[in-house]
Amino acid sequence: MTRWNANTRTLFGAAALVTTVVAVVELFVRRTPDASLLVALTFFTMIVEGCVALAATGELAKGIWLIPIKSELVRVYPLILVAGLLSLVLGAKTGIYPWSEHQNGWLNTRFFVVRNFVLLLVTYLGARKLAGAIRVRSPHKNRWAGLYIGLFIVSQSFVAFDWIMTLEYPWVSTLLGGFFFVESFLMGLAVSAFVLLFRMRAPGHALTETLRDASKMMFGFSVMWVGFFFAQFLVIWYGNIPDEVGYVLKRVEEAPFAGLSRAVLFLVWVIPFAVLLSRPLKTVPPAMAGVAGLILAGLFIEKLVLVLPVAKVNPGVLAFETIVLLGLVAFFAAARDSVAPQQVAGTGPGGPPLL
């Protein structure tokens, strides 16, 4: 028998409230199909899944530096379910996709909604099992960590292929899925820098070496990100196939997207590369939080660059939805207790199950 502690009820109440508010805004306030929810939900899903993926990788790789912040990272796992519920709302906005006018066996609204919801639900269940295994120090936690990493890769690939790539159907890129899960992992690393900054403000927490290791990881994945970016750009540009090059031209030569694309490159790679080359700066919490903020801002702008040339967004709605969803991530990460039911005394041994 289990019961929910007060903190857990507060967290899930906040998640339910935010989900309801975003759904009401999209379904009843802003009925005109636009891509505001698509951009906010894509960014939110990538951050949440990336945080749990970082914790899972830490388990598999025996990453000592992750031990002090692992609980904060894995604690956001219930928000994958929030993403799944909001993906149902996204199904009401499929008018933004060109295939909605000529649906086929794979690209049709019903199948689009079902497969994305089911995949996010399965990813949530895998994350729940991982969180429970980490909490009770189960000997099987590596198995769940490996399973989650597999689900994470598939889920992020579908976010890239289904949610973003089909905006310009029939344009295709087989590398976009890999590009997205590398970005998602980088977002998790950026969040870890903020968590460390928060933890280091408390007395008695000397996490300098942990921060240095997190900075090195951010540096490495920032370089990996630009490598994926260049690999995709080079193949399209060198091939010079009109259907493929047109996608790039919209974003690197037409205003205002050309300027935004350059800003993304500077925010996600150039500035972090320059700052993180410095060994002393790797252990300065405000500097690392600043770099993490720039990376997250750059990756958010990148989503706009991917979407805006072919779909409209409402700036006010986008800002509101992004702020409340990111606020929910911060609320879960900063919670003091685990988002798990507590075992009622006298009901038997074993760790409490998670929702």
Foldseek 3Di string as FASTA:
>chain_A
DFFFDPLLVVLVVLLVVLLVVLLCCDVPVPVAQFCLCLLLLLLLLLQLLLLLLVLLVCVQVVPPLCVVQSQLSLLSLVCLLSSLSVLLSVLSRCVLFPCDVPPDDCRYSVNLSVVLSVLSVVLSVLSQVLSQCVVQVPPCNNVSSVVNNVSLLVNQLCSQVPSFVRSLPPDDDPLRSVLRNLLSNLSSLLVVLVVVLVVVVDPPDDSQVSLLVSLVVNQVSLVVNVVSVCVRVVVLVVVVDVSSVVLVCLQCPDPPNVVLVVLLNCLSHVVSNVQSVDSVSSRVSVSSNVSSVSNSVSVSSVSCSSRVVRTDDDVVSSVVSNVSSVVSSVSSSPRDDRSATADDPPPDDDGGRGD
